[in-house]
Amino acid sequence: MREHIEGALKQATQAQDRRRMNTLRLIKATIKDRDTAAKTAGGEAVSDEKVLAILVTMIKQRLESAKHYESEDRPELVLEEIEEIEIIKSLLPHQLNDTEINNVCAEAIKQTDSHSLRDLGKCMQALKQRMSGQMDFGKAIQSVKRQLQ
């Protein structure tokens, strides 16, 4: 992931794409901050899975900001947030659509031998281990609930 982000930053720099450069620099700085915090706590550098989680969190933050700016009637700021979301999404692996999410959830239910809503946590844990950064877990939890009922 880090090499992918670094390569994207080099391309943006060569193309003089300021929005993309600034967003990618912010991503790198966030990852570096998390690395420093982990090393200070005696751990290792942030793994690729955690980098994916950081990117997903950054998308959620920008969605919230865009909603806030929309309620404040600030369309130029909404547009900036949407552009940053698209840049961050371009770094993520292929995102599953609704049909693929339903299929992956059905597979996780079978693999974890789940039969009721009590097994929801077990299914979600299996999905997060296998599909981190590849799906919207809000949609996944709804699919698993529907299939277990």
N, C-alpha and C. Protein backbone atom coordinates (compact mmCIF):
# COMPACT_ATOMS: atom_id res chain seq x y z
N MET A 1 0.82 -1.20 0.00
CA MET A 1 0.00 0.00 0.00
C MET A 1 0.86 1.26 0.00
N ARG A 2 1.89 1.24 0.83
CA ARG A 2 2.74 2.43 0.93
C ARG A 2 3.39 2.77 -0.42
N GLU A 3 3.85 1.73 -1.12
CA GLU A 3 4.48 1.95 -2.42
C GLU A 3 3.46 2.50 -3.42
N HIS A 4 2.25 1.99 -3.33
CA HIS A 4 1.17 2.45 -4.21
C HIS A 4 0.87 3.94 -3.96
N ILE A 5 0.82 4.32 -2.70
CA ILE A 5 0.56 5.73 -2.34
C ILE A 5 1.73 6.60 -2.81
N GLU A 6 2.94 6.13 -2.59
CA GLU A 6 4.13 6.88 -3.01
C GLU A 6 4.16 7.06 -4.53
N GLY A 7 3.82 5.99 -5.26
CA GLY A 7 3.77 6.07 -6.73
C GLY A 7 2.70 7.05 -7.21
N ALA A 8 1.55 7.03 -6.54
CA ALA A 8 0.48 7.96 -6.91
C ALA A 8 0.90 9.40 -6.64
N LEU A 9 1.64 9.61 -5.55
CA LEU A 9 2.12 10.95 -5.23
C LEU A 9 3.12 11.44 -6.28
N LYS A 10 4.01 10.56 -6.72
CA LYS A 10 4.97 10.94 -7.76
C LYS A 10 4.26 11.32 -9.05
N GLN A 11 3.25 10.54 -9.42
CA GLN A 11 2.49 10.84 -10.64
C GLN A 11 1.77 12.19 -10.51
N ALA A 12 1.17 12.43 -9.35
CA ALA A 12 0.46 13.69 -9.13
C ALA A 12 1.42 14.87 -9.17
N THR A 13 2.62 14.67 -8.63
CA THR A 13 3.63 15.73 -8.63
C THR A 13 4.06 16.04 -10.07
N GLN A 14 4.30 15.01 -10.85
CA GLN A 14 4.70 15.21 -12.24
C GLN A 14 3.60 15.90 -13.05
N ALA A 15 2.35 15.58 -12.73
CA ALA A 15 1.22 16.17 -13.44
C ALA A 15 0.82 17.53 -12.87
N GLN A 16 1.47 17.92 -11.78
CA GLN A 16 1.15 19.19 -11.10
C GLN A 16 -0.33 19.26 -10.69
N ASP A 17 -0.87 18.12 -10.24
CA ASP A 17 -2.26 18.04 -9.77
C ASP A 17 -2.26 18.38 -8.29
N ARG A 18 -2.50 19.63 -7.96
CA ARG A 18 -2.37 20.11 -6.58
C ARG A 18 -3.33 19.41 -5.61
N ARG A 19 -4.58 19.25 -6.00
CA ARG A 19 -5.57 18.60 -5.12
C ARG A 19 -5.10 17.19 -4.78
N ARG A 20 -4.70 16.44 -5.79
CA ARG A 20 -4.26 15.06 -5.58
C ARG A 20 -2.98 15.02 -4.74
N MET A 21 -2.03 15.92 -5.03
CA MET A 21 -0.78 15.97 -4.26
C MET A 21 -1.07 16.24 -2.78
N ASN A 22 -1.90 17.22 -2.51
CA ASN A 22 -2.20 17.58 -1.12
C ASN A 22 -2.91 16.45 -0.38
N THR A 23 -3.84 15.80 -1.06
CA THR A 23 -4.57 14.69 -0.44
C THR A 23 -3.62 13.54 -0.15
N LEU A 24 -2.77 13.20 -1.09
CA LEU A 24 -1.83 12.09 -0.90
C LEU A 24 -0.80 12.42 0.19
N ARG A 25 -0.37 13.66 0.26
CA ARG A 25 0.55 14.06 1.33
C ARG A 25 -0.13 13.94 2.69
N LEU A 26 -1.39 14.30 2.75
CA LEU A 26 -2.14 14.17 4.00
C LEU A 26 -2.25 12.70 4.42
N ILE A 27 -2.49 11.83 3.45
CA ILE A 27 -2.56 10.40 3.73
C ILE A 27 -1.22 9.89 4.27
N LYS A 28 -0.14 10.27 3.59
CA LYS A 28 1.20 9.85 4.05
C LYS A 28 1.48 10.35 5.46
N ALA A 29 1.10 11.59 5.75
CA ALA A 29 1.34 12.16 7.08
C ALA A 29 0.53 11.42 8.14
N THR A 30 -0.70 11.06 7.81
CA THR A 30 -1.54 10.32 8.76
C THR A 30 -0.95 8.95 9.05
N ILE A 31 -0.49 8.27 8.01
CA ILE A 31 0.13 6.95 8.19
C ILE A 31 1.41 7.09 9.02
N LYS A 32 2.20 8.11 8.74
CA LYS A 32 3.43 8.33 9.50
C LYS A 32 3.13 8.60 10.97
N ASP A 33 2.07 9.37 11.24
CA ASP A 33 1.67 9.63 12.62
C ASP A 33 1.28 8.33 13.33
N ARG A 34 0.54 7.49 12.64
CA ARG A 34 0.13 6.20 13.23
C ARG A 34 1.34 5.30 13.45
N ASP A 35 2.29 5.32 12.52
CA ASP A 35 3.53 4.55 12.68
C ASP A 35 4.27 5.00 13.94
N THR A 36 4.40 6.31 14.09
CA THR A 36 5.12 6.87 15.24
C THR A 36 4.43 6.49 16.54
N ALA A 37 3.10 6.59 16.55
CA ALA A 37 2.34 6.23 17.76
C ALA A 37 2.52 4.75 18.09
N ALA A 38 2.50 3.90 17.07
CA ALA A 38 2.65 2.46 17.30
C ALA A 38 4.05 2.14 17.81
N LYS A 39 5.07 2.77 17.23
CA LYS A 39 6.44 2.51 17.66
C LYS A 39 6.68 3.03 19.07
N THR A 40 6.07 4.16 19.41
CA THR A 40 6.20 4.71 20.76
C THR A 40 5.58 3.76 21.78
N ALA A 41 4.50 3.11 21.39
CA ALA A 41 3.83 2.16 22.27
C ALA A 41 4.52 0.79 22.27
N GLY A 42 5.63 0.68 21.55
CA GLY A 42 6.38 -0.57 21.54
C GLY A 42 5.99 -1.52 20.44
N GLY A 43 5.14 -1.08 19.52
CA GLY A 43 4.70 -1.94 18.42
C GLY A 43 5.53 -1.74 17.18
N GLU A 44 4.99 -2.25 16.09
CA GLU A 44 5.66 -2.13 14.79
C GLU A 44 4.92 -1.12 13.93
N ALA A 45 5.45 -0.89 12.76
CA ALA A 45 4.82 0.03 11.82
C ALA A 45 3.42 -0.48 11.46
N VAL A 46 2.59 0.43 11.03
CA VAL A 46 1.21 0.11 10.69
C VAL A 46 1.18 -0.84 9.49
N SER A 47 0.37 -1.90 9.58
CA SER A 47 0.26 -2.89 8.51
C SER A 47 -0.61 -2.36 7.37
N ASP A 48 -0.59 -3.08 6.25
CA ASP A 48 -1.41 -2.69 5.11
C ASP A 48 -2.90 -2.69 5.47
N GLU A 49 -3.32 -3.64 6.30
CA GLU A 49 -4.72 -3.69 6.72
C GLU A 49 -5.11 -2.43 7.48
N LYS A 50 -4.21 -1.96 8.32
CA LYS A 50 -4.49 -0.74 9.07
C LYS A 50 -4.44 0.49 8.17
N VAL A 51 -3.59 0.46 7.16
CA VAL A 51 -3.56 1.55 6.19
C VAL A 51 -4.91 1.62 5.48
N LEU A 52 -5.46 0.46 5.11
CA LEU A 52 -6.78 0.42 4.50
C LEU A 52 -7.83 1.01 5.44
N ALA A 53 -7.74 0.64 6.71
CA ALA A 53 -8.69 1.16 7.70
C ALA A 53 -8.55 2.68 7.83
N ILE A 54 -7.34 3.18 7.77
CA ILE A 54 -7.11 4.63 7.83
C ILE A 54 -7.79 5.30 6.64
N LEU A 55 -7.64 4.73 5.45
CA LEU A 55 -8.24 5.30 4.25
C LEU A 55 -9.76 5.30 4.34
N VAL A 56 -10.33 4.21 4.84
CA VAL A 56 -11.79 4.13 5.00
C VAL A 56 -12.27 5.19 6.00
N THR A 57 -11.52 5.36 7.08
CA THR A 57 -11.87 6.38 8.07
C THR A 57 -11.80 7.78 7.46
N MET A 58 -10.80 8.02 6.64
CA MET A 58 -10.67 9.32 6.00
C MET A 58 -11.85 9.60 5.06
N ILE A 59 -12.32 8.57 4.39
CA ILE A 59 -13.49 8.73 3.52
C ILE A 59 -14.72 9.09 4.35
N LYS A 60 -14.91 8.38 5.46
CA LYS A 60 -16.06 8.66 6.33
C LYS A 60 -16.01 10.08 6.86
N GLN A 61 -14.83 10.53 7.25
CA GLN A 61 -14.69 11.90 7.75
C GLN A 61 -15.08 12.91 6.68
N ARG A 62 -14.66 12.67 5.46
CA ARG A 62 -14.98 13.61 4.39
C ARG A 62 -16.45 13.58 4.02
N LEU A 63 -17.09 12.43 4.13
CA LEU A 63 -18.53 12.35 3.89
C LEU A 63 -19.29 13.18 4.93
N GLU A 64 -18.87 13.06 6.19
CA GLU A 64 -19.50 13.85 7.25
C GLU A 64 -19.28 15.34 7.01
N SER A 65 -18.09 15.71 6.63
CA SER A 65 -17.79 17.12 6.35
C SER A 65 -18.63 17.62 5.18
N ALA A 66 -18.76 16.81 4.15
CA ALA A 66 -19.55 17.21 2.99
C ALA A 66 -21.01 17.45 3.38
N LYS A 67 -21.56 16.57 4.23
CA LYS A 67 -22.94 16.75 4.71
C LYS A 67 -23.06 18.05 5.49
N HIS A 68 -22.08 18.31 6.33
CA HIS A 68 -22.09 19.55 7.12
C HIS A 68 -22.03 20.77 6.20
N TYR A 69 -21.13 20.76 5.25
CA TYR A 69 -21.00 21.89 4.33
C TYR A 69 -22.26 22.07 3.49
N GLU A 70 -22.90 20.96 3.15
CA GLU A 70 -24.14 21.05 2.38
C GLU A 70 -25.23 21.72 3.20
N SER A 71 -25.31 21.38 4.48
CA SER A 71 -26.31 22.01 5.33
C SER A 71 -26.01 23.49 5.55
N GLU A 72 -24.74 23.87 5.43
CA GLU A 72 -24.31 25.27 5.57
C GLU A 72 -24.40 26.02 4.24
N ASP A 73 -24.84 25.31 3.18
CA ASP A 73 -24.95 25.88 1.84
C ASP A 73 -23.60 26.40 1.35
N ARG A 74 -22.60 25.48 1.39
CA ARG A 74 -21.24 25.79 0.92
C ARG A 74 -20.86 24.80 -0.18
N PRO A 75 -21.44 24.94 -1.37
CA PRO A 75 -21.21 23.95 -2.44
C PRO A 75 -19.75 23.80 -2.86
N GLU A 76 -18.97 24.87 -2.77
CA GLU A 76 -17.56 24.77 -3.17
C GLU A 76 -16.79 23.85 -2.23
N LEU A 77 -17.13 23.87 -0.93
CA LEU A 77 -16.45 22.99 0.03
C LEU A 77 -16.94 21.55 -0.11
N VAL A 78 -18.21 21.39 -0.44
CA VAL A 78 -18.75 20.04 -0.68
C VAL A 78 -17.99 19.42 -1.85
N LEU A 79 -17.79 20.19 -2.90
CA LEU A 79 -17.07 19.70 -4.08
C LEU A 79 -15.64 19.30 -3.73
N GLU A 80 -14.97 20.08 -2.90
CA GLU A 80 -13.60 19.74 -2.48
C GLU A 80 -13.57 18.41 -1.73
N GLU A 81 -14.53 18.22 -0.82
CA GLU A 81 -14.59 16.97 -0.05
C GLU A 81 -14.85 15.78 -0.97
N ILE A 82 -15.74 15.95 -1.93
CA ILE A 82 -16.05 14.87 -2.87
C ILE A 82 -14.83 14.52 -3.72
N GLU A 83 -14.08 15.54 -4.14
CA GLU A 83 -12.86 15.28 -4.91
C GLU A 83 -11.85 14.49 -4.09
N GLU A 84 -11.70 14.85 -2.81
CA GLU A 84 -10.77 14.12 -1.95
C GLU A 84 -11.24 12.69 -1.74
N ILE A 85 -12.53 12.49 -1.60
CA ILE A 85 -13.07 11.13 -1.43
C ILE A 85 -12.70 10.28 -2.65
N GLU A 86 -12.86 10.84 -3.84
CA GLU A 86 -12.55 10.09 -5.06
C GLU A 86 -11.06 9.75 -5.13
N ILE A 87 -10.22 10.66 -4.70
CA ILE A 87 -8.77 10.40 -4.70
C ILE A 87 -8.45 9.26 -3.73
N ILE A 88 -9.03 9.30 -2.55
CA ILE A 88 -8.78 8.25 -1.55
C ILE A 88 -9.32 6.92 -2.05
N LYS A 89 -10.52 6.93 -2.62
CA LYS A 89 -11.11 5.69 -3.14
C LYS A 89 -10.24 5.06 -4.22
N SER A 90 -9.54 5.88 -4.99
CA SER A 90 -8.70 5.35 -6.05
C SER A 90 -7.55 4.51 -5.50
N LEU A 91 -7.23 4.68 -4.23
CA LEU A 91 -6.15 3.92 -3.61
C LEU A 91 -6.62 2.59 -3.03
N LEU A 92 -7.93 2.48 -2.83
CA LEU A 92 -8.48 1.27 -2.24
C LEU A 92 -8.60 0.15 -3.27
N PRO A 93 -8.57 -1.10 -2.80
CA PRO A 93 -8.81 -2.20 -3.73
C PRO A 93 -10.24 -2.13 -4.27
N HIS A 94 -10.54 -2.95 -5.25
CA HIS A 94 -11.88 -2.99 -5.84
C HIS A 94 -12.93 -3.14 -4.75
N GLN A 95 -13.94 -2.28 -4.79
CA GLN A 95 -15.02 -2.32 -3.81
C GLN A 95 -16.14 -3.22 -4.34
N LEU A 96 -16.63 -4.10 -3.48
CA LEU A 96 -17.67 -5.04 -3.87
C LEU A 96 -19.01 -4.33 -4.02
N ASN A 97 -19.79 -4.77 -5.01
CA ASN A 97 -21.15 -4.22 -5.16
C ASN A 97 -22.10 -5.00 -4.25
N ASP A 98 -23.37 -4.63 -4.25
CA ASP A 98 -24.34 -5.24 -3.33
C ASP A 98 -24.48 -6.74 -3.53
N THR A 99 -24.51 -7.19 -4.77
CA THR A 99 -24.64 -8.62 -5.06
C THR A 99 -23.42 -9.38 -4.55
N GLU A 100 -22.25 -8.83 -4.80
CA GLU A 100 -21.02 -9.48 -4.34
C GLU A 100 -20.96 -9.50 -2.81
N ILE A 101 -21.42 -8.43 -2.17
CA ILE A 101 -21.46 -8.39 -0.70
C ILE A 101 -22.36 -9.49 -0.18
N ASN A 102 -23.55 -9.65 -0.78
CA ASN A 102 -24.47 -10.70 -0.34
C ASN A 102 -23.85 -12.08 -0.51
N ASN A 103 -23.15 -12.31 -1.61
CA ASN A 103 -22.51 -13.61 -1.85
C ASN A 103 -21.40 -13.88 -0.84
N VAL A 104 -20.57 -12.87 -0.58
CA VAL A 104 -19.47 -13.03 0.38
C VAL A 104 -20.02 -13.27 1.78
N CYS A 105 -21.10 -12.58 2.12
CA CYS A 105 -21.72 -12.76 3.44
C CYS A 105 -22.29 -14.17 3.59
N ALA A 106 -22.94 -14.67 2.53
CA ALA A 106 -23.48 -16.04 2.57
C ALA A 106 -22.36 -17.05 2.76
N GLU A 107 -21.24 -16.81 2.09
CA GLU A 107 -20.08 -17.69 2.22
C GLU A 107 -19.52 -17.64 3.64
N ALA A 108 -19.45 -16.45 4.23
CA ALA A 108 -18.95 -16.31 5.60
C ALA A 108 -19.86 -17.01 6.60
N ILE A 109 -21.16 -16.94 6.35
CA ILE A 109 -22.13 -17.62 7.24
C ILE A 109 -21.89 -19.12 7.20
N LYS A 110 -21.66 -19.66 6.01
CA LYS A 110 -21.41 -21.10 5.88
C LYS A 110 -20.08 -21.48 6.54
N GLN A 111 -19.04 -20.68 6.31
CA GLN A 111 -17.72 -21.01 6.84
C GLN A 111 -17.68 -20.95 8.36
N THR A 112 -18.42 -20.03 8.94
CA THR A 112 -18.42 -19.90 10.41
C THR A 112 -19.50 -20.74 11.06
N ASP A 113 -20.26 -21.48 10.24
CA ASP A 113 -21.34 -22.34 10.73
C ASP A 113 -22.31 -21.55 11.61
N SER A 114 -22.74 -20.41 11.10
CA SER A 114 -23.65 -19.53 11.84
C SER A 114 -25.10 -19.88 11.50
N HIS A 115 -25.96 -19.76 12.55
CA HIS A 115 -27.36 -20.13 12.36
C HIS A 115 -28.34 -19.08 12.88
N SER A 116 -27.88 -18.19 13.75
CA SER A 116 -28.80 -17.20 14.32
C SER A 116 -28.09 -15.86 14.46
N LEU A 117 -28.84 -14.85 14.88
CA LEU A 117 -28.27 -13.52 15.06
C LEU A 117 -27.19 -13.50 16.13
N ARG A 118 -27.18 -14.48 17.01
CA ARG A 118 -26.12 -14.56 18.03
C ARG A 118 -24.74 -14.75 17.40
N ASP A 119 -24.74 -15.30 16.21
CA ASP A 119 -23.48 -15.57 15.51
C ASP A 119 -23.04 -14.40 14.63
N LEU A 120 -23.74 -13.28 14.71
CA LEU A 120 -23.45 -12.12 13.87
C LEU A 120 -22.00 -11.65 14.05
N GLY A 121 -21.54 -11.54 15.28
CA GLY A 121 -20.18 -11.09 15.56
C GLY A 121 -19.13 -12.00 14.94
N LYS A 122 -19.38 -13.30 15.01
CA LYS A 122 -18.45 -14.28 14.44
C LYS A 122 -18.35 -14.10 12.92
N CYS A 123 -19.47 -13.89 12.27
CA CYS A 123 -19.48 -13.68 10.82
C CYS A 123 -18.76 -12.39 10.45
N MET A 124 -19.06 -11.32 11.17
CA MET A 124 -18.46 -10.02 10.85
C MET A 124 -16.95 -10.05 11.07
N GLN A 125 -16.52 -10.75 12.11
CA GLN A 125 -15.08 -10.86 12.36
C GLN A 125 -14.39 -11.58 11.20
N ALA A 126 -15.01 -12.64 10.72
CA ALA A 126 -14.45 -13.38 9.58
C ALA A 126 -14.40 -12.51 8.33
N LEU A 127 -15.47 -11.73 8.12
CA LEU A 127 -15.50 -10.85 6.96
C LEU A 127 -14.43 -9.77 7.05
N LYS A 128 -14.25 -9.19 8.22
CA LYS A 128 -13.26 -8.13 8.37
C LYS A 128 -11.85 -8.65 8.17
N GLN A 129 -11.60 -9.88 8.55
CA GLN A 129 -10.27 -10.46 8.34
C GLN A 129 -10.00 -10.69 6.86
N ARG A 130 -11.01 -11.15 6.13
CA ARG A 130 -10.83 -11.50 4.72
C ARG A 130 -11.04 -10.35 3.76
N MET A 131 -11.93 -9.43 4.08
CA MET A 131 -12.37 -8.45 3.10
C MET A 131 -12.11 -7.01 3.51
N SER A 132 -11.18 -6.79 4.40
CA SER A 132 -10.90 -5.45 4.89
C SER A 132 -10.58 -4.50 3.73
N GLY A 133 -11.29 -3.38 3.69
CA GLY A 133 -11.06 -2.37 2.67
C GLY A 133 -11.72 -2.65 1.34
N GLN A 134 -12.41 -3.79 1.22
CA GLN A 134 -13.01 -4.15 -0.05
C GLN A 134 -14.52 -4.03 -0.07
N MET A 135 -15.12 -3.75 1.09
CA MET A 135 -16.57 -3.65 1.11
C MET A 135 -17.02 -2.69 2.19
N ASP A 136 -18.25 -2.25 2.05
CA ASP A 136 -18.90 -1.39 3.03
C ASP A 136 -19.46 -2.32 4.11
N PHE A 137 -18.88 -2.27 5.30
CA PHE A 137 -19.30 -3.18 6.35
C PHE A 137 -20.67 -2.83 6.92
N GLY A 138 -21.14 -1.62 6.70
CA GLY A 138 -22.51 -1.27 7.07
C GLY A 138 -23.50 -2.08 6.24
N LYS A 139 -23.22 -2.20 4.95
CA LYS A 139 -24.07 -3.02 4.07
C LYS A 139 -23.91 -4.50 4.41
N ALA A 140 -22.69 -4.89 4.75
CA ALA A 140 -22.42 -6.30 5.05
C ALA A 140 -23.18 -6.75 6.29
N ILE A 141 -23.21 -5.93 7.32
CA ILE A 141 -23.90 -6.33 8.55
C ILE A 141 -25.40 -6.46 8.29
N GLN A 142 -25.95 -5.60 7.44
CA GLN A 142 -27.37 -5.71 7.09
C GLN A 142 -27.63 -7.00 6.31
N SER A 143 -26.73 -7.34 5.42
CA SER A 143 -26.89 -8.57 4.63
C SER A 143 -26.80 -9.80 5.53
N VAL A 144 -25.84 -9.82 6.44
CA VAL A 144 -25.70 -10.97 7.34
C VAL A 144 -26.93 -11.09 8.22
N LYS A 145 -27.42 -9.98 8.75
CA LYS A 145 -28.64 -10.02 9.59
C LYS A 145 -29.82 -10.60 8.80
N ARG A 146 -29.99 -10.10 7.58
CA ARG A 146 -31.10 -10.57 6.73
C ARG A 146 -30.98 -12.06 6.49
N GLN A 147 -29.78 -12.54 6.22
CA GLN A 147 -29.60 -13.96 5.90
C GLN A 147 -29.71 -14.86 7.12
N LEU A 148 -29.41 -14.33 8.30
CA LEU A 148 -29.48 -15.16 9.50
C LEU A 148 -30.89 -15.22 10.09
N GLN A 149 -31.74 -14.28 9.70
CA GLN A 149 -33.11 -14.28 10.26
C GLN A 149 -34.00 -15.32 9.62
